[in-house]
Every structure is written in structure tokens, then in C-alpha cells.
Amino acid sequence: NCSVNGCSFYNIAAGAIQVGTTWSGRL
């Protein structure tokens, strides 16, 4: 129940936003 709204991401070494992981498929 979280939100990221109207934000700007630029000049970044890796990604802008990550939601969840690959590990959580085991849950």
C-alpha cells in the first residue's frame, strides 16, 4: 500500500525503482 508519484529520476548508475525481488517467488 505504498506509492511513488510524480517523481523524477535521472543520471543514476543503476535502476530508478525496484518493487519486490526475485526471491519472493518462494513465498
mmCIF file of all heavy atoms, coordinates in Angstrom:
data_MODEL
# 
_entry.id   MODEL 
# 
loop_
_atom_site.group_PDB 
_atom_site.id 
_atom_site.type_symbol 
_atom_site.label_atom_id 
_atom_site.label_alt_id 
_atom_site.label_comp_id 
_atom_site.label_asym_id 
_atom_site.label_entity_id 
_atom_site.label_seq_id 
_atom_site.pdbx_PDB_ins_code 
_atom_site.Cartn_x 
_atom_site.Cartn_y 
_atom_site.Cartn_z 
_atom_site.occupancy 
_atom_site.B_iso_or_equiv 
_atom_site.pdbx_formal_charge 
_atom_site.auth_seq_id 
_atom_site.auth_comp_id 
_atom_site.auth_asym_id 
_atom_site.auth_atom_id 
_atom_site.pdbx_PDB_model_num 
ATOM 1   N N   . ASN A 1 1  ? 0.820  -1.217  0.000   1.00 0.00 ? 1  ASN A N   1 
ATOM 2   C CA  . ASN A 1 1  ? 0.000  0.000   0.000   1.00 0.00 ? 1  ASN A CA  1 
ATOM 3   C C   . ASN A 1 1  ? 0.854  1.268   0.000   1.00 0.00 ? 1  ASN A C   1 
ATOM 4   O O   . ASN A 1 1  ? 0.598  2.215   0.749   1.00 0.00 ? 1  ASN A O   1 
ATOM 5   C CB  . ASN A 1 1  ? -0.951 0.002   1.206   1.00 0.00 ? 1  ASN A CB  1 
ATOM 6   C CG  . ASN A 1 1  ? -1.851 -1.217  1.229   1.00 0.00 ? 1  ASN A CG  1 
ATOM 7   O OD1 . ASN A 1 1  ? -2.439 -1.583  0.216   1.00 0.00 ? 1  ASN A OD1 1 
ATOM 8   N ND2 . ASN A 1 1  ? -1.918 -1.881  2.370   1.00 0.00 ? 1  ASN A ND2 1 
ATOM 9   N N   . CYS A 1 2  ? 1.877  1.260   -0.836  1.00 0.00 ? 2  CYS A N   1 
ATOM 10  C CA  . CYS A 1 2  ? 2.771  2.410   -0.948  1.00 0.00 ? 2  CYS A CA  1 
ATOM 11  C C   . CYS A 1 2  ? 2.657  3.012   -2.337  1.00 0.00 ? 2  CYS A C   1 
ATOM 12  O O   . CYS A 1 2  ? 2.183  2.375   -3.269  1.00 0.00 ? 2  CYS A O   1 
ATOM 13  C CB  . CYS A 1 2  ? 4.219  1.988   -0.683  1.00 0.00 ? 2  CYS A CB  1 
ATOM 14  S SG  . CYS A 1 2  ? 4.502  1.300   0.966   1.00 0.00 ? 2  CYS A SG  1 
ATOM 15  N N   . SER A 1 3  ? 3.145  4.260   -2.497  1.00 0.00 ? 3  SER A N   1 
ATOM 16  C CA  . SER A 1 3  ? 3.068  4.910   -3.804  1.00 0.00 ? 3  SER A CA  1 
ATOM 17  C C   . SER A 1 3  ? 4.280  5.782   -4.055  1.00 0.00 ? 3  SER A C   1 
ATOM 18  O O   . SER A 1 3  ? 4.873  6.356   -3.129  1.00 0.00 ? 3  SER A O   1 
ATOM 19  C CB  . SER A 1 3  ? 1.789  5.746   -3.914  1.00 0.00 ? 3  SER A CB  1 
ATOM 20  O OG  . SER A 1 3  ? 1.793  6.795   -2.963  1.00 0.00 ? 3  SER A OG  1 
ATOM 21  N N   . VAL A 1 4  ? 4.637  5.856   -5.338  1.00 0.00 ? 4  VAL A N   1 
ATOM 22  C CA  . VAL A 1 4  ? 5.669  6.772   -5.831  1.00 0.00 ? 4  VAL A CA  1 
ATOM 23  C C   . VAL A 1 4  ? 4.990  7.596   -6.910  1.00 0.00 ? 4  VAL A C   1 
ATOM 24  O O   . VAL A 1 4  ? 4.580  7.072   -7.946  1.00 0.00 ? 4  VAL A O   1 
ATOM 25  C CB  . VAL A 1 4  ? 6.874  6.008   -6.398  1.00 0.00 ? 4  VAL A CB  1 
ATOM 26  C CG1 . VAL A 1 4  ? 7.953  6.990   -6.856  1.00 0.00 ? 4  VAL A CG1 1 
ATOM 27  C CG2 . VAL A 1 4  ? 7.444  5.031   -5.371  1.00 0.00 ? 4  VAL A CG2 1 
ATOM 28  N N   . ASN A 1 5  ? 4.853  8.901   -6.677  1.00 0.00 ? 5  ASN A N   1 
ATOM 29  C CA  . ASN A 1 5  ? 4.007  9.743   -7.527  1.00 0.00 ? 5  ASN A CA  1 
ATOM 30  C C   . ASN A 1 5  ? 4.770  10.956  -8.041  1.00 0.00 ? 5  ASN A C   1 
ATOM 31  O O   . ASN A 1 5  ? 5.330  11.725  -7.252  1.00 0.00 ? 5  ASN A O   1 
ATOM 32  C CB  . ASN A 1 5  ? 2.798  10.252  -6.722  1.00 0.00 ? 5  ASN A CB  1 
ATOM 33  C CG  . ASN A 1 5  ? 2.059  9.148   -6.015  1.00 0.00 ? 5  ASN A CG  1 
ATOM 34  O OD1 . ASN A 1 5  ? 1.532  8.242   -6.642  1.00 0.00 ? 5  ASN A OD1 1 
ATOM 35  N ND2 . ASN A 1 5  ? 2.031  9.206   -4.682  1.00 0.00 ? 5  ASN A ND2 1 
ATOM 36  N N   . GLY A 1 6  ? 4.790  11.147  -9.343  1.00 0.00 ? 6  GLY A N   1 
ATOM 37  C CA  . GLY A 1 6  ? 5.304  12.379  -9.910  1.00 0.00 ? 6  GLY A CA  1 
ATOM 38  C C   . GLY A 1 6  ? 6.749  12.673  -9.581  1.00 0.00 ? 6  GLY A C   1 
ATOM 39  O O   . GLY A 1 6  ? 7.133  13.850  -9.482  1.00 0.00 ? 6  GLY A O   1 
ATOM 40  N N   . CYS A 1 7  ? 7.575  11.639  -9.437  1.00 0.00 ? 7  CYS A N   1 
ATOM 41  C CA  . CYS A 1 7  ? 8.989  11.830  -9.120  1.00 0.00 ? 7  CYS A CA  1 
ATOM 42  C C   . CYS A 1 7  ? 9.832  11.802  -10.392 1.00 0.00 ? 7  CYS A C   1 
ATOM 43  O O   . CYS A 1 7  ? 9.432  11.228  -11.409 1.00 0.00 ? 7  CYS A O   1 
ATOM 44  C CB  . CYS A 1 7  ? 9.474  10.745  -8.168  1.00 0.00 ? 7  CYS A CB  1 
ATOM 45  S SG  . CYS A 1 7  ? 8.722  10.818  -6.521  1.00 0.00 ? 7  CYS A SG  1 
ATOM 46  N N   . SER A 1 8  ? 11.013 12.406  -10.335 1.00 0.00 ? 8  SER A N   1 
ATOM 47  C CA  . SER A 1 8  ? 11.950 12.419  -11.454 1.00 0.00 ? 8  SER A CA  1 
ATOM 48  C C   . SER A 1 8  ? 13.211 11.652  -11.071 1.00 0.00 ? 8  SER A C   1 
ATOM 49  O O   . SER A 1 8  ? 13.742 11.826  -9.975  1.00 0.00 ? 8  SER A O   1 
ATOM 50  C CB  . SER A 1 8  ? 12.325 13.855  -11.835 1.00 0.00 ? 8  SER A CB  1 
ATOM 51  O OG  . SER A 1 8  ? 11.201 14.543  -12.331 1.00 0.00 ? 8  SER A OG  1 
ATOM 52  N N   . PHE A 1 9  ? 13.672 10.817  -12.002 1.00 0.00 ? 9  PHE A N   1 
ATOM 53  C CA  . PHE A 1 9  ? 14.873 10.021  -11.807 1.00 0.00 ? 9  PHE A CA  1 
ATOM 54  C C   . PHE A 1 9  ? 15.778 10.243  -13.010 1.00 0.00 ? 9  PHE A C   1 
ATOM 55  O O   . PHE A 1 9  ? 15.383 9.967   -14.147 1.00 0.00 ? 9  PHE A O   1 
ATOM 56  C CB  . PHE A 1 9  ? 14.523 8.535   -11.705 1.00 0.00 ? 9  PHE A CB  1 
ATOM 57  C CG  . PHE A 1 9  ? 13.575 8.189   -10.591 1.00 0.00 ? 9  PHE A CG  1 
ATOM 58  C CD1 . PHE A 1 9  ? 12.201 8.362   -10.742 1.00 0.00 ? 9  PHE A CD1 1 
ATOM 59  C CD2 . PHE A 1 9  ? 14.044 7.690   -9.388  1.00 0.00 ? 9  PHE A CD2 1 
ATOM 60  C CE1 . PHE A 1 9  ? 11.327 8.032   -9.718  1.00 0.00 ? 9  PHE A CE1 1 
ATOM 61  C CE2 . PHE A 1 9  ? 13.174 7.361   -8.357  1.00 0.00 ? 9  PHE A CE2 1 
ATOM 62  C CZ  . PHE A 1 9  ? 11.816 7.536   -8.523  1.00 0.00 ? 9  PHE A CZ  1 
ATOM 63  N N   . TYR A 1 10 ? 16.986 10.722  -12.792 1.00 0.00 ? 10 TYR A N   1 
ATOM 64  C CA  . TYR A 1 10 ? 17.887 10.969  -13.915 1.00 0.00 ? 10 TYR A CA  1 
ATOM 65  C C   . TYR A 1 10 ? 19.333 10.934  -13.417 1.00 0.00 ? 10 TYR A C   1 
ATOM 66  O O   . TYR A 1 10 ? 19.622 11.208  -12.250 1.00 0.00 ? 10 TYR A O   1 
ATOM 67  C CB  . TYR A 1 10 ? 17.575 12.298  -14.594 1.00 0.00 ? 10 TYR A CB  1 
ATOM 68  C CG  . TYR A 1 10 ? 17.557 13.505  -13.674 1.00 0.00 ? 10 TYR A CG  1 
ATOM 69  C CD1 . TYR A 1 10 ? 18.657 14.344  -13.547 1.00 0.00 ? 10 TYR A CD1 1 
ATOM 70  C CD2 . TYR A 1 10 ? 16.422 13.807  -12.919 1.00 0.00 ? 10 TYR A CD2 1 
ATOM 71  C CE1 . TYR A 1 10 ? 18.639 15.434  -12.701 1.00 0.00 ? 10 TYR A CE1 1 
ATOM 72  C CE2 . TYR A 1 10 ? 16.388 14.900  -12.058 1.00 0.00 ? 10 TYR A CE2 1 
ATOM 73  C CZ  . TYR A 1 10 ? 17.504 15.710  -11.962 1.00 0.00 ? 10 TYR A CZ  1 
ATOM 74  O OH  . TYR A 1 10 ? 17.480 16.788  -11.110 1.00 0.00 ? 10 TYR A OH  1 
ATOM 75  N N   . ASN A 1 11 ? 20.236 10.552  -14.335 1.00 0.00 ? 11 ASN A N   1 
ATOM 76  C CA  . ASN A 1 11 ? 21.665 10.494  -14.023 1.00 0.00 ? 11 ASN A CA  1 
ATOM 77  C C   . ASN A 1 11 ? 21.915 9.563   -12.833 1.00 0.00 ? 11 ASN A C   1 
ATOM 78  O O   . ASN A 1 11 ? 22.453 9.965   -11.808 1.00 0.00 ? 11 ASN A O   1 
ATOM 79  C CB  . ASN A 1 11 ? 22.216 11.895  -13.746 1.00 0.00 ? 11 ASN A CB  1 
ATOM 80  C CG  . ASN A 1 11 ? 23.737 11.943  -13.777 1.00 0.00 ? 11 ASN A CG  1 
ATOM 81  O OD1 . ASN A 1 11 ? 24.394 10.955  -14.105 1.00 0.00 ? 11 ASN A OD1 1 
ATOM 82  N ND2 . ASN A 1 11 ? 24.301 13.083  -13.413 1.00 0.00 ? 11 ASN A ND2 1 
ATOM 83  N N   . ILE A 1 12 ? 21.524 8.298   -12.999 1.00 0.00 ? 12 ILE A N   1 
ATOM 84  C CA  . ILE A 1 12 ? 21.604 7.298   -11.938 1.00 0.00 ? 12 ILE A CA  1 
ATOM 85  C C   . ILE A 1 12 ? 22.381 6.094   -12.453 1.00 0.00 ? 12 ILE A C   1 
ATOM 86  O O   . ILE A 1 12 ? 22.195 5.653   -13.589 1.00 0.00 ? 12 ILE A O   1 
ATOM 87  C CB  . ILE A 1 12 ? 20.189 6.895   -11.479 1.00 0.00 ? 12 ILE A CB  1 
ATOM 88  C CG1 . ILE A 1 12 ? 19.471 8.107   -10.873 1.00 0.00 ? 12 ILE A CG1 1 
ATOM 89  C CG2 . ILE A 1 12 ? 20.235 5.754   -10.487 1.00 0.00 ? 12 ILE A CG2 1 
ATOM 90  C CD1 . ILE A 1 12 ? 18.031 7.844   -10.479 1.00 0.00 ? 12 ILE A CD1 1 
ATOM 91  N N   . ALA A 1 13 ? 23.251 5.529   -11.606 1.00 0.00 ? 13 ALA A N   1 
ATOM 92  C CA  . ALA A 1 13 ? 24.126 4.440   -12.032 1.00 0.00 ? 13 ALA A CA  1 
ATOM 93  C C   . ALA A 1 13 ? 23.364 3.146   -12.292 1.00 0.00 ? 13 ALA A C   1 
ATOM 94  O O   . ALA A 1 13 ? 23.703 2.388   -13.197 1.00 0.00 ? 13 ALA A O   1 
ATOM 95  C CB  . ALA A 1 13 ? 25.216 4.202   -10.985 1.00 0.00 ? 13 ALA A CB  1 
ATOM 96  N N   . ALA A 1 14 ? 22.340 2.856   -11.487 1.00 0.00 ? 14 ALA A N   1 
ATOM 97  C CA  . ALA A 1 14 ? 21.535 1.642   -11.655 1.00 0.00 ? 14 ALA A CA  1 
ATOM 98  C C   . ALA A 1 14 ? 20.089 2.065   -11.970 1.00 0.00 ? 14 ALA A C   1 
ATOM 99  O O   . ALA A 1 14 ? 19.855 3.132   -12.522 1.00 0.00 ? 14 ALA A O   1 
ATOM 100 C CB  . ALA A 1 14 ? 21.626 0.761   -10.420 1.00 0.00 ? 14 ALA A CB  1 
ATOM 101 N N   . GLY A 1 15 ? 19.111 1.210   -11.619 1.00 0.00 ? 15 GLY A N   1 
ATOM 102 C CA  . GLY A 1 15 ? 17.733 1.482   -11.988 1.00 0.00 ? 15 GLY A CA  1 
ATOM 103 C C   . GLY A 1 15 ? 17.089 2.576   -11.155 1.00 0.00 ? 15 GLY A C   1 
ATOM 104 O O   . GLY A 1 15 ? 17.608 2.998   -10.118 1.00 0.00 ? 15 GLY A O   1 
ATOM 105 N N   . ALA A 1 16 ? 15.914 3.019   -11.605 1.00 0.00 ? 16 ALA A N   1 
ATOM 106 C CA  . ALA A 1 16 ? 15.185 4.064   -10.882 1.00 0.00 ? 16 ALA A CA  1 
ATOM 107 C C   . ALA A 1 16 ? 14.395 3.490   -9.716  1.00 0.00 ? 16 ALA A C   1 
ATOM 108 O O   . ALA A 1 16 ? 14.509 3.963   -8.579  1.00 0.00 ? 16 ALA A O   1 
ATOM 109 C CB  . ALA A 1 16 ? 14.259 4.810   -11.842 1.00 0.00 ? 16 ALA A CB  1 
ATOM 110 N N   . ILE A 1 17 ? 13.598 2.446   -9.979  1.00 0.00 ? 17 ILE A N   1 
ATOM 111 C CA  . ILE A 1 17 ? 12.666 1.918   -8.975  1.00 0.00 ? 17 ILE A CA  1 
ATOM 112 C C   . ILE A 1 17 ? 12.678 0.398   -9.043  1.00 0.00 ? 17 ILE A C   1 
ATOM 113 O O   . ILE A 1 17 ? 12.582 -0.182  -10.130 1.00 0.00 ? 17 ILE A O   1 
ATOM 114 C CB  . ILE A 1 17 ? 11.232 2.428   -9.211  1.00 0.00 ? 17 ILE A CB  1 
ATOM 115 C CG1 . ILE A 1 17 ? 11.179 3.963   -9.197  1.00 0.00 ? 17 ILE A CG1 1 
ATOM 116 C CG2 . ILE A 1 17 ? 10.268 1.863   -8.164  1.00 0.00 ? 17 ILE A CG2 1 
ATOM 117 C CD1 . ILE A 1 17 ? 9.850  4.531   -9.677  1.00 0.00 ? 17 ILE A CD1 1 
ATOM 118 N N   . GLN A 1 18 ? 12.782 -0.251  -7.883  1.00 0.00 ? 18 GLN A N   1 
ATOM 119 C CA  . GLN A 1 18 ? 12.586 -1.698  -7.807  1.00 0.00 ? 18 GLN A CA  1 
ATOM 120 C C   . GLN A 1 18 ? 11.460 -1.997  -6.830  1.00 0.00 ? 18 GLN A C   1 
ATOM 121 O O   . GLN A 1 18 ? 11.452 -1.503  -5.697  1.00 0.00 ? 18 GLN A O   1 
ATOM 122 C CB  . GLN A 1 18 ? 13.852 -2.436  -7.376  1.00 0.00 ? 18 GLN A CB  1 
ATOM 123 C CG  . GLN A 1 18 ? 13.618 -3.942  -7.233  1.00 0.00 ? 18 GLN A CG  1 
ATOM 124 C CD  . GLN A 1 18 ? 14.869 -4.779  -7.256  1.00 0.00 ? 18 GLN A CD  1 
ATOM 125 O OE1 . GLN A 1 18 ? 15.902 -4.360  -7.773  1.00 0.00 ? 18 GLN A OE1 1 
ATOM 126 N NE2 . GLN A 1 18 ? 14.794 -5.983  -6.716  1.00 0.00 ? 18 GLN A NE2 1 
ATOM 127 N N   . VAL A 1 19 ? 10.533 -2.848  -7.253  1.00 0.00 ? 19 VAL A N   1 
ATOM 128 C CA  . VAL A 1 19 ? 9.386  -3.252  -6.439  1.00 0.00 ? 19 VAL A CA  1 
ATOM 129 C C   . VAL A 1 19 ? 9.462  -4.771  -6.284  1.00 0.00 ? 19 VAL A C   1 
ATOM 130 O O   . VAL A 1 19 ? 9.307  -5.507  -7.252  1.00 0.00 ? 19 VAL A O   1 
ATOM 131 C CB  . VAL A 1 19 ? 8.061  -2.836  -7.090  1.00 0.00 ? 19 VAL A CB  1 
ATOM 132 C CG1 . VAL A 1 19 ? 6.882  -3.258  -6.219  1.00 0.00 ? 19 VAL A CG1 1 
ATOM 133 C CG2 . VAL A 1 19 ? 8.032  -1.334  -7.355  1.00 0.00 ? 19 VAL A CG2 1 
ATOM 134 N N   . GLY A 1 20 ? 9.696  -5.256  -5.061  1.00 0.00 ? 20 GLY A N   1 
ATOM 135 C CA  . GLY A 1 20 ? 9.820  -6.689  -4.837  1.00 0.00 ? 20 GLY A CA  1 
ATOM 136 C C   . GLY A 1 20 ? 11.131 -7.235  -5.371  1.00 0.00 ? 20 GLY A C   1 
ATOM 137 O O   . GLY A 1 20 ? 11.949 -6.520  -5.947  1.00 0.00 ? 20 GLY A O   1 
ATOM 138 N N   . THR A 1 21 ? 11.336 -8.543  -5.150  1.00 0.00 ? 21 THR A N   1 
ATOM 139 C CA  . THR A 1 21 ? 12.569 -9.203  -5.558  1.00 0.00 ? 21 THR A CA  1 
ATOM 140 C C   . THR A 1 21 ? 12.248 -10.489 -6.301  1.00 0.00 ? 21 THR A C   1 
ATOM 141 O O   . THR A 1 21 ? 11.100 -10.933 -6.367  1.00 0.00 ? 21 THR A O   1 
ATOM 142 C CB  . THR A 1 21 ? 13.447 -9.546  -4.342  1.00 0.00 ? 21 THR A CB  1 
ATOM 143 O OG1 . THR A 1 21 ? 12.768 -10.529 -3.548  1.00 0.00 ? 21 THR A OG1 1 
ATOM 144 C CG2 . THR A 1 21 ? 13.742 -8.319  -3.494  1.00 0.00 ? 21 THR A CG2 1 
ATOM 145 N N   . THR A 1 22 ? 13.283 -11.117 -6.840  1.00 0.00 ? 22 THR A N   1 
ATOM 146 C CA  . THR A 1 22 ? 13.123 -12.423 -7.478  1.00 0.00 ? 22 THR A CA  1 
ATOM 147 C C   . THR A 1 22 ? 12.990 -13.530 -6.440  1.00 0.00 ? 22 THR A C   1 
ATOM 148 O O   . THR A 1 22 ? 12.379 -14.566 -6.701  1.00 0.00 ? 22 THR A O   1 
ATOM 149 C CB  . THR A 1 22 ? 14.317 -12.718 -8.382  1.00 0.00 ? 22 THR A CB  1 
ATOM 150 O OG1 . THR A 1 22 ? 15.510 -12.764 -7.602  1.00 0.00 ? 22 THR A OG1 1 
ATOM 151 C CG2 . THR A 1 22 ? 14.467 -11.621 -9.421  1.00 0.00 ? 22 THR A CG2 1 
ATOM 152 N N   . TRP A 1 23 ? 13.560 -13.318 -5.263  1.00 0.00 ? 23 TRP A N   1 
ATOM 153 C CA  . TRP A 1 23 ? 13.495 -14.324 -4.190  1.00 0.00 ? 23 TRP A CA  1 
ATOM 154 C C   . TRP A 1 23 ? 12.071 -14.553 -3.712  1.00 0.00 ? 23 TRP A C   1 
ATOM 155 O O   . TRP A 1 23 ? 11.695 -15.660 -3.312  1.00 0.00 ? 23 TRP A O   1 
ATOM 156 C CB  . TRP A 1 23 ? 14.355 -13.861 -3.014  1.00 0.00 ? 23 TRP A CB  1 
ATOM 157 C CG  . TRP A 1 23 ? 14.148 -14.637 -1.756  1.00 0.00 ? 23 TRP A CG  1 
ATOM 158 C CD1 . TRP A 1 23 ? 14.738 -15.808 -1.394  1.00 0.00 ? 23 TRP A CD1 1 
ATOM 159 C CD2 . TRP A 1 23 ? 13.266 -14.298 -0.677  1.00 0.00 ? 23 TRP A CD2 1 
ATOM 160 N NE1 . TRP A 1 23 ? 14.299 -16.221 -0.168  1.00 0.00 ? 23 TRP A NE1 1 
ATOM 161 C CE2 . TRP A 1 23 ? 13.386 -15.313 0.289   1.00 0.00 ? 23 TRP A CE2 1 
ATOM 162 C CE3 . TRP A 1 23 ? 12.381 -13.249 -0.434  1.00 0.00 ? 23 TRP A CE3 1 
ATOM 163 C CZ2 . TRP A 1 23 ? 12.663 -15.293 1.487   1.00 0.00 ? 23 TRP A CZ2 1 
ATOM 164 C CZ3 . TRP A 1 23 ? 11.665 -13.232 0.735   1.00 0.00 ? 23 TRP A CZ3 1 
ATOM 165 C CH2 . TRP A 1 23 ? 11.808 -14.249 1.683   1.00 0.00 ? 23 TRP A CH2 1 
ATOM 166 N N   . SER A 1 24 ? 11.222 -13.519 -3.769  1.00 0.00 ? 24 SER A N   1 
ATOM 167 C CA  . SER A 1 24 ? 9.890  -13.611 -3.164  1.00 0.00 ? 24 SER A CA  1 
ATOM 168 C C   . SER A 1 24 ? 8.986  -14.616 -3.867  1.00 0.00 ? 24 SER A C   1 
ATOM 169 O O   . SER A 1 24 ? 7.903  -14.926 -3.376  1.00 0.00 ? 24 SER A O   1 
ATOM 170 C CB  . SER A 1 24 ? 9.226  -12.235 -3.127  1.00 0.00 ? 24 SER A CB  1 
ATOM 171 O OG  . SER A 1 24 ? 9.127  -11.695 -4.428  1.00 0.00 ? 24 SER A OG  1 
ATOM 172 N N   . GLY A 1 25 ? 9.404  -15.157 -5.007  1.00 0.00 ? 25 GLY A N   1 
ATOM 173 C CA  . GLY A 1 25 ? 8.619  -16.197 -5.644  1.00 0.00 ? 25 GLY A CA  1 
ATOM 174 C C   . GLY A 1 25 ? 8.515  -17.466 -4.820  1.00 0.00 ? 25 GLY A C   1 
ATOM 175 O O   . GLY A 1 25 ? 7.653  -18.317 -5.065  1.00 0.00 ? 25 GLY A O   1 
ATOM 176 N N   . ARG A 1 26 ? 9.373  -17.600 -3.818  1.00 0.00 ? 26 ARG A N   1 
ATOM 177 C CA  . ARG A 1 26 ? 9.329  -18.773 -2.949  1.00 0.00 ? 26 ARG A CA  1 
ATOM 178 C C   . ARG A 1 26 ? 8.297  -18.644 -1.836  1.00 0.00 ? 26 ARG A C   1 
ATOM 179 O O   . ARG A 1 26 ? 8.052  -19.602 -1.103  1.00 0.00 ? 26 ARG A O   1 
ATOM 180 C CB  . ARG A 1 26 ? 10.708 -18.979 -2.311  1.00 0.00 ? 26 ARG A CB  1 
ATOM 181 C CG  . ARG A 1 26 ? 11.842 -19.111 -3.311  1.00 0.00 ? 26 ARG A CG  1 
ATOM 182 C CD  . ARG A 1 26 ? 13.167 -19.195 -2.602  1.00 0.00 ? 26 ARG A CD  1 
ATOM 183 N NE  . ARG A 1 26 ? 14.297 -19.204 -3.533  1.00 0.00 ? 26 ARG A NE  1 
ATOM 184 C CZ  . ARG A 1 26 ? 15.561 -19.240 -3.163  1.00 0.00 ? 26 ARG A CZ  1 
ATOM 185 N NH1 . ARG A 1 26 ? 15.877 -19.261 -1.880  1.00 0.00 ? 26 ARG A NH1 1 
ATOM 186 N NH2 . ARG A 1 26 ? 16.522 -19.239 -4.067  1.00 0.00 ? 26 ARG A NH2 1 
ATOM 187 N N   . LEU A 1 27 ? 7.722  -17.458 -1.675  1.00 0.00 ? 27 LEU A N   1 
ATOM 188 C CA  . LEU A 1 27 ? 6.800  -17.236 -0.567  1.00 0.00 ? 27 LEU A CA  1 
ATOM 189 C C   . LEU A 1 27 ? 5.472  -17.938 -0.823  1.00 0.00 ? 27 LEU A C   1 
ATOM 190 O O   . LEU A 1 27 ? 5.009  -18.013 -1.966  1.00 0.00 ? 27 LEU A O   1 
ATOM 191 C CB  . LEU A 1 27 ? 6.542  -15.739 -0.393  1.00 0.00 ? 27 LEU A CB  1 
ATOM 192 C CG  . LEU A 1 27 ? 7.739  -14.890 0.032   1.00 0.00 ? 27 LEU A CG  1 
ATOM 193 C CD1 . LEU A 1 27 ? 7.360  -13.417 -0.035  1.00 0.00 ? 27 LEU A CD1 1 
ATOM 194 C CD2 . LEU A 1 27 ? 8.202  -15.268 1.427   1.00 0.00 ? 27 LEU A CD2 1 
# 
